[in-house]
Amino acid sequence: MSELALVTDLPACTPEDLDETMKMRAAVAEMPQYDFPTEHFFHGGMYVRTVKMPASSILCGAVIKVPTLVTVAGDCIVKVGEDAREIVGYAVLRGAPGRSQIFIARAETYITMSFPSKAKTLEEAEEEFTDEFDQLMSRRSQCLAE
């Protein structure tokens, strides 16, 4: 694993990063799955989605196709490809389109993603931010408890 560093942004994935993330997602999919609580809503023209991760859990994120803000509160490691970074406390990150990341919670962690949307329904907003909407936790379980 790469050396941990302070996170400032969540970059777009290179093809190699996406390959690495997809390999990890496949490995996690073979393990017992955990259903994370997910809340999402619209406010002021923004779609807002929050996931609560218990300690010792892994969240494999969908490939995000729009720029987002990602707010993290807790203690976790975020992997983008082979790059692993530490978040302890509170961070507001610029999330690039074309990314997929894996969060590993060391303590209870909350992750909120938001972006401007003209969608009329929550389902339309999910389809706006990812082509993998059928795999989202709000539609089916995609998580693991260690």
N, C-alpha and C. Protein backbone atom coordinates (compact mmCIF):
# COMPACT_ATOMS: atom_id res chain seq x y z
N MET A 1 0.84 -1.18 0.00
CA MET A 1 0.00 0.00 0.00
C MET A 1 0.89 1.24 0.00
N SER A 2 0.42 2.28 -0.64
CA SER A 2 1.17 3.53 -0.71
C SER A 2 1.23 4.19 0.67
N GLU A 3 2.19 5.08 0.84
CA GLU A 3 2.29 5.85 2.07
C GLU A 3 1.07 6.75 2.19
N LEU A 4 0.57 6.90 3.42
CA LEU A 4 -0.61 7.73 3.64
C LEU A 4 -0.23 9.21 3.56
N ALA A 5 -1.14 10.01 3.01
CA ALA A 5 -0.91 11.45 2.89
C ALA A 5 -2.22 12.18 3.14
N LEU A 6 -2.14 13.45 3.49
CA LEU A 6 -3.33 14.25 3.71
C LEU A 6 -4.08 14.42 2.39
N VAL A 7 -5.40 14.23 2.43
CA VAL A 7 -6.22 14.34 1.23
C VAL A 7 -6.61 15.79 1.00
N THR A 8 -6.51 16.27 -0.22
CA THR A 8 -7.03 17.58 -0.58
C THR A 8 -8.08 17.46 -1.67
N ASP A 9 -7.93 16.49 -2.53
CA ASP A 9 -8.86 16.27 -3.63
C ASP A 9 -9.01 14.78 -3.86
N LEU A 10 -10.06 14.41 -4.56
CA LEU A 10 -10.25 13.05 -5.05
C LEU A 10 -10.12 13.12 -6.56
N PRO A 11 -8.97 12.72 -7.11
CA PRO A 11 -8.71 12.90 -8.54
C PRO A 11 -9.46 11.90 -9.41
N ALA A 12 -9.54 12.22 -10.68
CA ALA A 12 -10.06 11.27 -11.66
C ALA A 12 -9.13 10.07 -11.70
N CYS A 13 -9.69 8.92 -12.02
CA CYS A 13 -8.90 7.70 -12.12
C CYS A 13 -8.22 7.60 -13.49
N THR A 14 -6.99 7.15 -13.48
CA THR A 14 -6.34 6.74 -14.72
C THR A 14 -6.91 5.37 -15.07
N PRO A 15 -6.70 4.88 -16.28
CA PRO A 15 -7.14 3.51 -16.59
C PRO A 15 -6.54 2.48 -15.63
N GLU A 16 -5.28 2.70 -15.23
CA GLU A 16 -4.64 1.78 -14.27
C GLU A 16 -5.30 1.86 -12.90
N ASP A 17 -5.65 3.09 -12.46
CA ASP A 17 -6.35 3.26 -11.19
C ASP A 17 -7.69 2.53 -11.20
N LEU A 18 -8.43 2.69 -12.32
CA LEU A 18 -9.73 2.02 -12.42
C LEU A 18 -9.58 0.50 -12.39
N ASP A 19 -8.56 -0.01 -13.06
CA ASP A 19 -8.30 -1.46 -13.02
C ASP A 19 -8.06 -1.92 -11.59
N GLU A 20 -7.21 -1.19 -10.86
CA GLU A 20 -6.90 -1.53 -9.47
C GLU A 20 -8.16 -1.49 -8.60
N THR A 21 -8.97 -0.43 -8.78
CA THR A 21 -10.20 -0.30 -8.00
C THR A 21 -11.17 -1.43 -8.32
N MET A 22 -11.30 -1.78 -9.59
CA MET A 22 -12.22 -2.86 -9.98
C MET A 22 -11.76 -4.21 -9.41
N LYS A 23 -10.46 -4.42 -9.32
CA LYS A 23 -9.95 -5.65 -8.71
C LYS A 23 -10.32 -5.70 -7.23
N MET A 24 -10.16 -4.56 -6.55
CA MET A 24 -10.54 -4.51 -5.13
C MET A 24 -12.04 -4.69 -4.96
N ARG A 25 -12.82 -4.07 -5.83
CA ARG A 25 -14.28 -4.24 -5.75
C ARG A 25 -14.67 -5.70 -5.93
N ALA A 26 -14.02 -6.40 -6.85
CA ALA A 26 -14.32 -7.82 -7.08
C ALA A 26 -13.97 -8.64 -5.84
N ALA A 27 -12.84 -8.33 -5.21
CA ALA A 27 -12.44 -9.07 -4.00
C ALA A 27 -13.43 -8.80 -2.87
N VAL A 28 -13.84 -7.55 -2.70
CA VAL A 28 -14.79 -7.21 -1.64
C VAL A 28 -16.14 -7.87 -1.91
N ALA A 29 -16.54 -7.98 -3.16
CA ALA A 29 -17.83 -8.59 -3.51
C ALA A 29 -17.90 -10.06 -3.10
N GLU A 30 -16.75 -10.70 -2.96
CA GLU A 30 -16.70 -12.12 -2.55
C GLU A 30 -16.87 -12.28 -1.04
N MET A 31 -16.80 -11.20 -0.29
CA MET A 31 -16.91 -11.24 1.17
C MET A 31 -18.34 -10.97 1.60
N PRO A 32 -18.67 -11.29 2.86
CA PRO A 32 -20.02 -10.97 3.35
C PRO A 32 -20.31 -9.47 3.19
N GLN A 33 -21.50 -9.13 2.76
CA GLN A 33 -21.86 -7.74 2.47
C GLN A 33 -22.52 -7.07 3.68
N TYR A 34 -22.33 -5.77 3.78
CA TYR A 34 -22.91 -4.96 4.84
C TYR A 34 -23.76 -3.87 4.20
N ASP A 35 -24.92 -3.61 4.76
CA ASP A 35 -25.83 -2.61 4.22
C ASP A 35 -25.68 -1.30 4.99
N PHE A 36 -25.02 -0.30 4.40
CA PHE A 36 -24.82 0.99 5.06
C PHE A 36 -26.07 1.84 4.98
N PRO A 37 -26.41 2.54 6.07
CA PRO A 37 -27.51 3.51 5.99
C PRO A 37 -27.14 4.63 5.02
N THR A 38 -28.05 4.94 4.11
CA THR A 38 -27.84 6.00 3.12
C THR A 38 -29.05 6.93 3.14
N GLU A 39 -28.79 8.22 3.25
CA GLU A 39 -29.84 9.23 3.16
C GLU A 39 -29.51 10.15 2.00
N HIS A 40 -30.53 10.49 1.20
CA HIS A 40 -30.29 11.43 0.11
C HIS A 40 -31.53 12.28 -0.10
N PHE A 41 -31.29 13.52 -0.57
CA PHE A 41 -32.36 14.49 -0.74
C PHE A 41 -31.89 15.62 -1.65
N PHE A 42 -32.82 16.49 -2.02
CA PHE A 42 -32.52 17.70 -2.77
C PHE A 42 -32.68 18.91 -1.85
N HIS A 43 -31.81 19.91 -2.03
CA HIS A 43 -31.95 21.17 -1.31
C HIS A 43 -31.25 22.26 -2.10
N GLY A 44 -31.97 23.34 -2.39
CA GLY A 44 -31.37 24.49 -3.07
C GLY A 44 -30.72 24.14 -4.39
N GLY A 45 -31.32 23.21 -5.15
CA GLY A 45 -30.76 22.82 -6.44
C GLY A 45 -29.59 21.85 -6.34
N MET A 46 -29.33 21.34 -5.14
CA MET A 46 -28.24 20.40 -4.91
C MET A 46 -28.81 19.03 -4.55
N TYR A 47 -28.18 18.00 -5.09
CA TYR A 47 -28.44 16.62 -4.65
C TYR A 47 -27.41 16.33 -3.56
N VAL A 48 -27.87 15.79 -2.43
CA VAL A 48 -27.00 15.52 -1.29
C VAL A 48 -27.21 14.07 -0.87
N ARG A 49 -26.10 13.34 -0.70
CA ARG A 49 -26.16 11.90 -0.38
C ARG A 49 -25.16 11.62 0.75
N THR A 50 -25.65 11.06 1.85
CA THR A 50 -24.80 10.76 3.01
C THR A 50 -24.86 9.28 3.32
N VAL A 51 -23.67 8.71 3.57
CA VAL A 51 -23.53 7.30 3.94
C VAL A 51 -22.84 7.27 5.31
N LYS A 52 -23.37 6.44 6.20
CA LYS A 52 -22.75 6.22 7.52
C LYS A 52 -22.00 4.89 7.48
N MET A 53 -20.69 4.96 7.74
CA MET A 53 -19.86 3.76 7.77
C MET A 53 -19.49 3.43 9.21
N PRO A 54 -19.80 2.22 9.67
CA PRO A 54 -19.31 1.84 11.00
C PRO A 54 -17.81 1.56 10.95
N ALA A 55 -17.18 1.54 12.10
CA ALA A 55 -15.76 1.20 12.18
C ALA A 55 -15.52 -0.16 11.55
N SER A 56 -14.37 -0.32 10.95
CA SER A 56 -13.92 -1.59 10.34
C SER A 56 -14.80 -2.02 9.17
N SER A 57 -15.28 -1.06 8.40
CA SER A 57 -16.08 -1.38 7.22
C SER A 57 -15.41 -0.82 5.97
N ILE A 58 -15.80 -1.37 4.82
CA ILE A 58 -15.24 -0.97 3.54
C ILE A 58 -16.39 -0.56 2.62
N LEU A 59 -16.23 0.58 1.96
CA LEU A 59 -17.22 1.08 1.00
C LEU A 59 -16.54 1.16 -0.36
N CYS A 60 -17.07 0.42 -1.33
CA CYS A 60 -16.55 0.45 -2.70
C CYS A 60 -17.45 1.36 -3.52
N GLY A 61 -16.94 2.51 -3.91
CA GLY A 61 -17.74 3.50 -4.60
C GLY A 61 -17.91 3.22 -6.08
N ALA A 62 -19.05 3.67 -6.59
CA ALA A 62 -19.33 3.60 -8.03
C ALA A 62 -18.42 4.59 -8.76
N VAL A 63 -18.30 4.43 -10.06
CA VAL A 63 -17.58 5.41 -10.87
C VAL A 63 -18.47 6.64 -11.00
N ILE A 64 -17.95 7.77 -10.52
CA ILE A 64 -18.70 9.03 -10.50
C ILE A 64 -18.39 9.79 -11.78
N LYS A 65 -19.44 10.26 -12.46
CA LYS A 65 -19.21 10.91 -13.75
C LYS A 65 -19.44 12.42 -13.74
N VAL A 66 -19.71 13.02 -12.57
CA VAL A 66 -19.88 14.47 -12.46
C VAL A 66 -18.96 15.00 -11.36
N PRO A 67 -18.57 16.29 -11.43
CA PRO A 67 -17.79 16.85 -10.33
C PRO A 67 -18.67 16.96 -9.09
N THR A 68 -18.11 16.64 -7.93
CA THR A 68 -18.87 16.68 -6.68
C THR A 68 -18.03 17.30 -5.58
N LEU A 69 -18.70 17.68 -4.51
CA LEU A 69 -18.04 17.98 -3.25
C LEU A 69 -18.24 16.77 -2.37
N VAL A 70 -17.19 16.34 -1.69
CA VAL A 70 -17.27 15.20 -0.79
C VAL A 70 -16.82 15.67 0.59
N THR A 71 -17.70 15.54 1.57
CA THR A 71 -17.40 15.91 2.94
C THR A 71 -17.27 14.64 3.76
N VAL A 72 -16.17 14.52 4.47
CA VAL A 72 -15.90 13.33 5.27
C VAL A 72 -15.70 13.76 6.71
N ALA A 73 -16.38 13.05 7.63
CA ALA A 73 -16.19 13.27 9.07
C ALA A 73 -15.97 11.90 9.70
N GLY A 74 -14.78 11.69 10.27
CA GLY A 74 -14.48 10.41 10.88
C GLY A 74 -13.01 10.09 10.80
N ASP A 75 -12.71 8.81 10.66
CA ASP A 75 -11.33 8.32 10.59
C ASP A 75 -11.30 7.20 9.57
N CYS A 76 -10.72 7.46 8.41
CA CYS A 76 -10.74 6.47 7.34
C CYS A 76 -9.53 6.60 6.44
N ILE A 77 -9.39 5.60 5.61
CA ILE A 77 -8.41 5.63 4.52
C ILE A 77 -9.22 5.62 3.23
N VAL A 78 -8.83 6.45 2.29
CA VAL A 78 -9.48 6.45 0.98
C VAL A 78 -8.44 6.02 -0.05
N LYS A 79 -8.83 5.06 -0.88
CA LYS A 79 -7.96 4.57 -1.95
C LYS A 79 -8.53 4.98 -3.29
N VAL A 80 -7.69 5.57 -4.12
CA VAL A 80 -8.00 5.83 -5.51
C VAL A 80 -6.90 5.12 -6.29
N GLY A 81 -7.25 3.98 -6.90
CA GLY A 81 -6.23 3.15 -7.54
C GLY A 81 -5.29 2.61 -6.49
N GLU A 82 -3.99 2.77 -6.71
CA GLU A 82 -3.00 2.30 -5.74
C GLU A 82 -2.67 3.35 -4.69
N ASP A 83 -3.19 4.56 -4.84
CA ASP A 83 -2.92 5.66 -3.92
C ASP A 83 -3.83 5.56 -2.71
N ALA A 84 -3.27 5.49 -1.51
CA ALA A 84 -4.05 5.45 -0.26
C ALA A 84 -3.78 6.73 0.52
N ARG A 85 -4.83 7.33 1.03
CA ARG A 85 -4.70 8.58 1.77
C ARG A 85 -5.52 8.50 3.05
N GLU A 86 -5.09 9.21 4.06
CA GLU A 86 -5.73 9.20 5.36
C GLU A 86 -6.59 10.44 5.55
N ILE A 87 -7.77 10.25 6.15
CA ILE A 87 -8.62 11.36 6.57
C ILE A 87 -8.94 11.11 8.04
N VAL A 88 -8.56 12.05 8.89
CA VAL A 88 -8.86 11.97 10.32
C VAL A 88 -9.53 13.28 10.70
N GLY A 89 -10.74 13.19 11.22
CA GLY A 89 -11.48 14.39 11.60
C GLY A 89 -12.46 14.78 10.51
N TYR A 90 -12.26 15.97 9.94
CA TYR A 90 -13.22 16.54 9.01
C TYR A 90 -12.48 17.06 7.78
N ALA A 91 -13.02 16.75 6.59
CA ALA A 91 -12.40 17.24 5.35
C ALA A 91 -13.49 17.50 4.31
N VAL A 92 -13.32 18.56 3.54
CA VAL A 92 -14.17 18.86 2.40
C VAL A 92 -13.27 18.75 1.17
N LEU A 93 -13.66 17.86 0.25
CA LEU A 93 -12.81 17.51 -0.88
C LEU A 93 -13.48 17.83 -2.20
N ARG A 94 -12.69 18.21 -3.17
CA ARG A 94 -13.17 18.39 -4.54
C ARG A 94 -13.06 17.03 -5.22
N GLY A 95 -14.19 16.47 -5.62
CA GLY A 95 -14.20 15.18 -6.29
C GLY A 95 -14.29 15.36 -7.79
N ALA A 96 -13.29 14.87 -8.50
CA ALA A 96 -13.25 14.98 -9.96
C ALA A 96 -14.19 13.95 -10.59
N PRO A 97 -14.75 14.28 -11.76
CA PRO A 97 -15.50 13.26 -12.49
C PRO A 97 -14.54 12.18 -12.99
N GLY A 98 -15.07 10.99 -13.22
CA GLY A 98 -14.23 9.91 -13.72
C GLY A 98 -13.44 9.23 -12.63
N ARG A 99 -14.00 9.19 -11.42
CA ARG A 99 -13.29 8.57 -10.31
C ARG A 99 -14.13 7.48 -9.68
N SER A 100 -13.45 6.57 -9.04
CA SER A 100 -14.06 5.57 -8.17
C SER A 100 -13.08 5.38 -7.03
N GLN A 101 -13.58 5.43 -5.82
CA GLN A 101 -12.69 5.28 -4.68
C GLN A 101 -13.23 4.24 -3.72
N ILE A 102 -12.34 3.79 -2.85
CA ILE A 102 -12.68 2.83 -1.81
C ILE A 102 -12.37 3.48 -0.47
N PHE A 103 -13.35 3.51 0.42
CA PHE A 103 -13.16 4.03 1.77
C PHE A 103 -13.07 2.88 2.74
N ILE A 104 -12.10 2.94 3.64
CA ILE A 104 -11.91 1.94 4.69
C ILE A 104 -12.01 2.69 6.02
N ALA A 105 -13.11 2.46 6.76
CA ALA A 105 -13.35 3.19 8.00
C ALA A 105 -12.61 2.54 9.16
N ARG A 106 -11.81 3.33 9.86
CA ARG A 106 -11.13 2.84 11.07
C ARG A 106 -11.97 3.14 12.30
N ALA A 107 -12.84 4.14 12.20
CA ALA A 107 -13.81 4.51 13.24
C ALA A 107 -15.08 4.91 12.49
N GLU A 108 -16.16 5.09 13.20
CA GLU A 108 -17.41 5.51 12.54
C GLU A 108 -17.12 6.75 11.68
N THR A 109 -17.57 6.70 10.43
CA THR A 109 -17.27 7.75 9.46
C THR A 109 -18.52 8.08 8.65
N TYR A 110 -18.72 9.37 8.42
CA TYR A 110 -19.81 9.84 7.57
C TYR A 110 -19.21 10.44 6.31
N ILE A 111 -19.79 10.09 5.16
CA ILE A 111 -19.34 10.61 3.87
C ILE A 111 -20.55 11.23 3.18
N THR A 112 -20.45 12.51 2.83
CA THR A 112 -21.53 13.20 2.13
C THR A 112 -21.01 13.69 0.79
N MET A 113 -21.73 13.33 -0.27
CA MET A 113 -21.40 13.79 -1.62
C MET A 113 -22.54 14.71 -2.07
N SER A 114 -22.19 15.83 -2.71
CA SER A 114 -23.23 16.73 -3.23
C SER A 114 -22.80 17.30 -4.57
N PHE A 115 -23.81 17.64 -5.37
CA PHE A 115 -23.55 18.28 -6.65
C PHE A 115 -24.83 18.97 -7.12
N PRO A 116 -24.70 20.04 -7.95
CA PRO A 116 -25.89 20.69 -8.49
C PRO A 116 -26.61 19.74 -9.46
N SER A 117 -27.94 19.70 -9.37
CA SER A 117 -28.70 18.77 -10.20
C SER A 117 -30.04 19.38 -10.59
N LYS A 118 -30.47 19.06 -11.79
CA LYS A 118 -31.81 19.44 -12.25
C LYS A 118 -32.75 18.24 -12.26
N ALA A 119 -32.29 17.13 -11.68
CA ALA A 119 -33.11 15.92 -11.63
C ALA A 119 -34.40 16.19 -10.86
N LYS A 120 -35.44 15.47 -11.22
CA LYS A 120 -36.75 15.63 -10.56
C LYS A 120 -36.96 14.57 -9.48
N THR A 121 -36.23 13.45 -9.57
CA THR A 121 -36.38 12.38 -8.59
C THR A 121 -34.99 11.95 -8.10
N LEU A 122 -34.98 11.29 -6.96
CA LEU A 122 -33.71 10.77 -6.44
C LEU A 122 -33.10 9.77 -7.40
N GLU A 123 -33.94 8.96 -8.02
CA GLU A 123 -33.44 7.97 -8.98
C GLU A 123 -32.78 8.65 -10.18
N GLU A 124 -33.38 9.74 -10.68
CA GLU A 124 -32.78 10.48 -11.79
C GLU A 124 -31.43 11.08 -11.38
N ALA A 125 -31.32 11.56 -10.14
CA ALA A 125 -30.05 12.12 -9.67
C ALA A 125 -28.99 11.03 -9.60
N GLU A 126 -29.36 9.83 -9.13
CA GLU A 126 -28.40 8.72 -9.09
C GLU A 126 -27.92 8.38 -10.50
N GLU A 127 -28.83 8.38 -11.46
CA GLU A 127 -28.46 8.09 -12.85
C GLU A 127 -27.62 9.21 -13.45
N GLU A 128 -27.76 10.43 -12.90
CA GLU A 128 -26.96 11.56 -13.36
C GLU A 128 -25.49 11.43 -12.91
N PHE A 129 -25.26 10.93 -11.69
CA PHE A 129 -23.89 10.90 -11.19
C PHE A 129 -23.14 9.61 -11.46
N THR A 130 -23.84 8.52 -11.84
CA THR A 130 -23.13 7.29 -12.16
C THR A 130 -23.91 6.43 -13.14
N ASP A 131 -23.20 5.69 -13.96
CA ASP A 131 -23.83 4.69 -14.83
C ASP A 131 -24.04 3.38 -14.08
N GLU A 132 -23.49 3.29 -12.86
CA GLU A 132 -23.62 2.09 -12.03
C GLU A 132 -24.72 2.23 -10.99
N PHE A 133 -25.76 2.99 -11.30
CA PHE A 133 -26.83 3.29 -10.35
C PHE A 133 -27.51 2.04 -9.80
N ASP A 134 -27.55 0.96 -10.58
CA ASP A 134 -28.19 -0.27 -10.10
C ASP A 134 -27.40 -0.94 -8.99
N GLN A 135 -26.15 -0.52 -8.77
CA GLN A 135 -25.31 -1.09 -7.72
C GLN A 135 -25.24 -0.22 -6.47
N LEU A 136 -25.92 0.92 -6.46
CA LEU A 136 -25.85 1.84 -5.33
C LEU A 136 -26.53 1.24 -4.10
N MET A 137 -26.03 1.61 -2.93
CA MET A 137 -26.58 1.11 -1.67
C MET A 137 -28.05 1.45 -1.52
N SER A 138 -28.47 2.58 -2.04
CA SER A 138 -29.87 2.96 -1.94
C SER A 138 -30.76 2.06 -2.81
N ARG A 139 -30.15 1.30 -3.71
CA ARG A 139 -30.89 0.37 -4.58
C ARG A 139 -30.58 -1.08 -4.23
N ARG A 140 -29.39 -1.34 -3.72
CA ARG A 140 -29.01 -2.70 -3.28
C ARG A 140 -27.76 -2.62 -2.40
N SER A 141 -27.47 -3.65 -1.66
CA SER A 141 -26.31 -3.67 -0.77
C SER A 141 -25.03 -3.74 -1.59
N GLN A 142 -24.02 -2.90 -1.24
CA GLN A 142 -22.75 -2.89 -1.95
C GLN A 142 -21.58 -2.74 -0.98
N CYS A 143 -21.78 -3.12 0.28
CA CYS A 143 -20.79 -2.82 1.29
C CYS A 143 -20.39 -4.05 2.07
N LEU A 144 -19.31 -3.92 2.81
CA LEU A 144 -18.74 -5.03 3.56
C LEU A 144 -18.40 -4.62 4.98
N ALA A 145 -18.74 -5.46 5.93
CA ALA A 145 -18.25 -5.28 7.29
C ALA A 145 -17.12 -6.29 7.48
N GLU A 146 -16.00 -5.81 7.99
CA GLU A 146 -14.86 -6.71 8.19
C GLU A 146 -15.11 -7.63 9.37
